[in-house]
N, C-alpha and C. Protein backbone atom coordinates (compact mmCIF):
# COMPACT_ATOMS: atom_id res chain seq x y z
N MET A 1 -12.54 0.87 5.26
CA MET A 1 -12.33 -0.61 4.95
C MET A 1 -11.75 -1.31 6.19
N GLY A 2 -12.28 -2.32 6.81
CA GLY A 2 -11.96 -3.01 7.83
C GLY A 2 -11.24 -4.36 7.45
N CYS A 3 -11.11 -5.14 8.39
CA CYS A 3 -10.60 -6.51 8.10
C CYS A 3 -11.82 -7.45 7.67
N HIS A 4 -13.11 -6.86 7.80
CA HIS A 4 -14.23 -7.64 7.44
C HIS A 4 -14.16 -7.87 5.83
N GLY A 5 -14.37 -9.29 5.43
CA GLY A 5 -14.30 -9.55 4.05
C GLY A 5 -12.86 -9.53 3.58
N ALA A 6 -12.04 -9.93 4.47
CA ALA A 6 -10.59 -9.86 4.07
C ALA A 6 -10.12 -10.92 3.06
N SER A 7 -10.86 -11.95 3.12
CA SER A 7 -10.76 -13.04 2.14
C SER A 7 -10.97 -12.61 0.78
N ALA A 8 -11.94 -11.65 0.53
CA ALA A 8 -12.22 -11.14 -0.80
C ALA A 8 -10.97 -10.36 -1.15
N LEU A 9 -10.17 -9.84 -0.41
CA LEU A 9 -9.05 -8.89 -0.75
C LEU A 9 -7.77 -9.77 -0.86
N LYS A 10 -7.89 -11.03 -0.36
CA LYS A 10 -6.56 -11.74 -0.37
C LYS A 10 -6.12 -12.11 -1.83
N GLN A 11 -5.65 -11.23 -2.52
CA GLN A 11 -5.21 -11.51 -3.97
C GLN A 11 -4.13 -10.40 -4.17
N PRO A 12 -3.28 -10.62 -5.06
CA PRO A 12 -2.34 -9.46 -5.42
C PRO A 12 -2.93 -8.08 -5.55
N ALA A 13 -2.17 -7.12 -4.96
CA ALA A 13 -2.77 -5.71 -5.06
C ALA A 13 -1.50 -4.75 -4.95
N VAL A 14 -1.67 -3.66 -5.71
CA VAL A 14 -0.93 -2.50 -5.54
C VAL A 14 -1.62 -1.36 -4.50
N TYR A 15 -0.95 -0.89 -3.67
CA TYR A 15 -1.68 0.13 -2.86
C TYR A 15 -0.88 1.33 -2.52
N VAL A 16 -1.58 2.42 -2.15
CA VAL A 16 -0.94 3.53 -1.68
C VAL A 16 -1.40 3.97 -0.33
N MET A 17 -0.42 4.29 0.59
CA MET A 17 -0.67 4.77 1.80
C MET A 17 -0.13 6.17 2.07
N THR A 18 -0.63 6.82 2.98
CA THR A 18 -0.22 8.26 3.11
C THR A 18 -0.23 8.65 4.52
N ASN A 19 0.44 9.66 4.95
CA ASN A 19 0.37 10.17 6.33
C ASN A 19 -0.54 11.32 6.54
N GLY A 20 -1.17 11.74 5.46
CA GLY A 20 -2.11 12.93 5.56
C GLY A 20 -2.40 13.53 4.33
N ARG A 21 -3.28 14.42 4.26
CA ARG A 21 -3.50 15.34 3.04
C ARG A 21 -2.26 15.99 2.46
N ASN A 22 -2.05 15.85 1.32
CA ASN A 22 -0.65 16.53 0.73
C ASN A 22 0.57 16.03 1.41
N GLY A 23 0.41 14.81 1.95
CA GLY A 23 1.72 14.23 2.82
C GLY A 23 2.46 13.35 1.89
N THR A 24 3.21 12.43 2.53
CA THR A 24 4.19 11.59 1.99
C THR A 24 3.37 10.34 1.62
N LEU A 25 3.71 9.81 0.36
CA LEU A 25 3.00 8.67 -0.25
C LEU A 25 4.03 7.55 -0.19
N TYR A 26 3.48 6.23 0.03
CA TYR A 26 4.13 5.08 0.01
C TYR A 26 3.31 3.94 -1.00
N VAL A 27 3.98 3.50 -1.98
CA VAL A 27 3.36 2.52 -2.75
C VAL A 27 3.95 1.09 -2.42
N GLY A 28 2.97 0.20 -2.28
CA GLY A 28 3.46 -1.14 -1.91
C GLY A 28 2.82 -2.17 -2.72
N VAL A 29 3.13 -3.55 -2.64
CA VAL A 29 2.47 -4.51 -3.36
C VAL A 29 2.38 -5.65 -2.28
N THR A 30 1.23 -6.36 -2.34
CA THR A 30 0.95 -7.34 -1.18
C THR A 30 0.08 -8.43 -1.84
N SER A 31 -0.05 -9.71 -1.23
CA SER A 31 -1.05 -10.64 -1.52
C SER A 31 -2.20 -10.62 -0.49
N ASP A 32 -2.07 -9.78 0.45
CA ASP A 32 -3.15 -9.85 1.45
C ASP A 32 -3.28 -8.34 1.96
N LEU A 33 -4.09 -7.53 1.17
CA LEU A 33 -4.13 -6.11 1.47
C LEU A 33 -4.63 -5.71 2.87
N ALA A 34 -5.63 -6.50 3.30
CA ALA A 34 -6.28 -6.19 4.80
C ALA A 34 -5.23 -6.39 5.73
N ARG A 35 -4.46 -7.56 5.74
CA ARG A 35 -3.33 -7.65 6.72
C ARG A 35 -2.22 -6.75 6.59
N ARG A 36 -1.95 -6.38 5.22
CA ARG A 36 -0.73 -5.39 5.19
C ARG A 36 -1.20 -3.90 5.65
N VAL A 37 -2.26 -3.45 5.35
CA VAL A 37 -2.77 -2.19 5.87
C VAL A 37 -2.79 -2.25 7.39
N TRP A 38 -3.29 -3.30 8.08
CA TRP A 38 -3.27 -3.28 9.49
C TRP A 38 -1.83 -3.23 9.99
N GLN A 39 -0.88 -3.99 9.28
CA GLN A 39 0.47 -3.90 9.69
C GLN A 39 1.20 -2.52 9.49
N HIS A 40 0.73 -1.70 8.57
CA HIS A 40 1.12 -0.39 8.35
C HIS A 40 0.69 0.52 9.63
N ARG A 41 -0.73 0.27 9.81
CA ARG A 41 -1.29 1.06 10.93
C ARG A 41 -0.76 0.91 12.31
N GLU A 42 -0.38 -0.41 12.54
CA GLU A 42 0.16 -0.66 13.86
C GLU A 42 1.69 -0.65 13.88
N SER A 43 2.42 -0.17 12.90
CA SER A 43 3.77 -0.06 12.74
C SER A 43 4.57 -1.22 12.90
N GLU A 44 3.90 -2.40 12.62
CA GLU A 44 4.59 -3.74 12.65
C GLU A 44 5.64 -4.04 11.73
N LEU A 45 5.75 -3.35 10.61
CA LEU A 45 6.68 -3.57 9.66
C LEU A 45 8.02 -2.70 9.72
N GLY A 46 7.89 -1.67 10.61
CA GLY A 46 9.05 -0.59 10.58
C GLY A 46 9.40 -0.10 9.36
N GLY A 47 10.54 0.42 9.10
CA GLY A 47 10.88 0.93 7.83
C GLY A 47 10.12 2.30 7.50
N PHE A 48 10.10 2.68 6.20
CA PHE A 48 9.58 3.93 5.73
C PHE A 48 8.33 4.30 6.28
N THR A 49 7.29 3.31 6.18
CA THR A 49 5.99 3.76 6.57
C THR A 49 5.78 4.07 8.04
N ALA A 50 6.51 3.31 8.86
CA ALA A 50 6.53 3.60 10.32
C ALA A 50 7.24 4.96 10.53
N ARG A 51 8.34 5.15 9.93
CA ARG A 51 9.17 6.43 10.18
C ARG A 51 8.37 7.63 9.73
N TYR A 52 7.66 7.62 8.72
CA TYR A 52 6.86 8.85 8.07
C TYR A 52 5.39 8.74 8.51
N GLY A 53 4.96 7.80 9.19
CA GLY A 53 3.53 7.76 9.80
C GLY A 53 2.62 7.44 8.64
N CYS A 54 2.97 6.77 7.66
CA CYS A 54 2.04 6.46 6.50
C CYS A 54 1.02 5.30 6.95
N THR A 55 -0.19 5.79 7.49
CA THR A 55 -1.10 4.70 8.04
C THR A 55 -2.48 4.77 7.44
N THR A 56 -2.67 5.72 6.54
CA THR A 56 -3.94 5.82 5.71
C THR A 56 -3.91 5.29 4.35
N LEU A 57 -4.76 4.28 4.09
CA LEU A 57 -4.92 3.73 2.79
C LEU A 57 -5.74 4.66 1.90
N VAL A 58 -5.12 5.05 0.70
CA VAL A 58 -5.85 5.94 0.00
C VAL A 58 -6.32 5.49 -1.34
N TRP A 59 -5.72 4.44 -1.84
CA TRP A 59 -5.92 3.82 -3.16
C TRP A 59 -5.37 2.40 -3.20
N PHE A 60 -6.12 1.44 -3.93
CA PHE A 60 -5.62 0.14 -4.11
C PHE A 60 -6.20 -0.33 -5.49
N GLU A 61 -5.49 -1.31 -6.16
CA GLU A 61 -6.07 -1.91 -7.23
C GLU A 61 -5.49 -3.43 -7.19
N LEU A 62 -6.68 -4.18 -7.35
CA LEU A 62 -6.44 -5.68 -7.24
C LEU A 62 -6.00 -6.17 -8.58
N HIS A 63 -5.18 -7.35 -8.62
CA HIS A 63 -4.69 -7.83 -9.90
C HIS A 63 -4.85 -9.32 -9.96
N ASP A 64 -4.76 -9.96 -11.10
CA ASP A 64 -4.99 -11.41 -11.21
C ASP A 64 -3.71 -12.11 -10.81
N SER A 65 -2.57 -11.35 -10.82
CA SER A 65 -1.30 -12.10 -10.51
C SER A 65 -0.35 -11.07 -9.98
N MET A 66 0.55 -11.69 -9.19
CA MET A 66 1.46 -10.88 -8.42
C MET A 66 2.56 -10.25 -9.59
N VAL A 67 2.75 -10.83 -10.60
CA VAL A 67 3.59 -10.52 -11.68
C VAL A 67 2.99 -9.02 -12.19
N ALA A 68 1.63 -9.03 -12.53
CA ALA A 68 0.99 -7.71 -12.92
C ALA A 68 0.97 -6.60 -11.87
N ALA A 69 0.89 -7.07 -10.62
CA ALA A 69 0.85 -6.08 -9.60
C ALA A 69 2.18 -5.44 -9.51
N ILE A 70 3.19 -6.22 -9.51
CA ILE A 70 4.66 -5.80 -9.48
C ILE A 70 4.99 -4.80 -10.68
N ALA A 71 4.49 -5.17 -11.83
CA ALA A 71 4.69 -4.37 -12.92
C ALA A 71 4.05 -3.04 -12.87
N LEU A 72 2.95 -2.87 -12.33
CA LEU A 72 2.30 -1.63 -12.10
C LEU A 72 2.99 -0.87 -11.12
N LYS A 73 3.49 -1.37 -10.04
CA LYS A 73 4.32 -0.77 -9.02
C LYS A 73 5.54 -0.17 -9.71
N SER A 74 6.19 -0.95 -10.50
CA SER A 74 7.38 -0.61 -11.07
C SER A 74 7.32 0.66 -12.06
N ARG A 75 5.99 0.69 -12.73
CA ARG A 75 5.83 1.72 -13.58
C ARG A 75 5.36 3.00 -12.86
N SER A 76 5.18 2.91 -11.58
CA SER A 76 4.76 4.13 -10.76
C SER A 76 5.87 4.92 -10.39
N ARG A 77 5.41 6.30 -10.49
CA ARG A 77 6.62 7.21 -10.18
C ARG A 77 6.68 7.47 -8.61
N VAL A 78 5.73 6.82 -7.84
CA VAL A 78 5.83 6.86 -6.52
C VAL A 78 6.27 5.49 -5.98
N ASP A 79 7.43 5.31 -5.83
CA ASP A 79 7.98 3.92 -5.46
C ASP A 79 8.95 4.23 -4.16
N HIS A 80 8.59 3.59 -3.11
CA HIS A 80 9.22 3.67 -1.79
C HIS A 80 9.34 5.03 -1.27
N GLY A 81 8.18 5.80 -1.53
CA GLY A 81 8.05 7.07 -0.87
C GLY A 81 8.70 8.23 -1.39
N GLY A 82 8.27 9.43 -0.85
CA GLY A 82 8.94 10.63 -1.03
C GLY A 82 8.83 11.37 -2.34
N LYS A 83 8.51 10.62 -3.38
CA LYS A 83 8.43 11.23 -4.68
C LYS A 83 6.90 11.52 -4.93
N SER A 84 6.58 12.59 -5.83
CA SER A 84 5.42 13.09 -5.97
C SER A 84 4.58 12.48 -7.25
N LEU A 85 3.38 12.44 -7.20
CA LEU A 85 2.52 11.92 -8.31
C LEU A 85 2.67 12.78 -9.46
N PRO A 86 2.54 12.47 -10.73
CA PRO A 86 2.57 13.55 -11.80
C PRO A 86 1.38 14.41 -11.82
């Protein structure tokens, strides 16, 4: 997935980034998925994803509203890295 067609992805989304197979996971919420993935890959945001090298997008889900996206992220067991999926 590149930045081509980024306007199609400019809506609320929950996403999962990783640093490799069986590695560290990070769950985030954004309104511009293509831009946010690029920021993680370029370590523009600093913080957890830069520290642990979470640069690969492995899953995302688009939502109609930011409230719905945040609700899904809040129910996730993978919240701000380090925890494992069920």
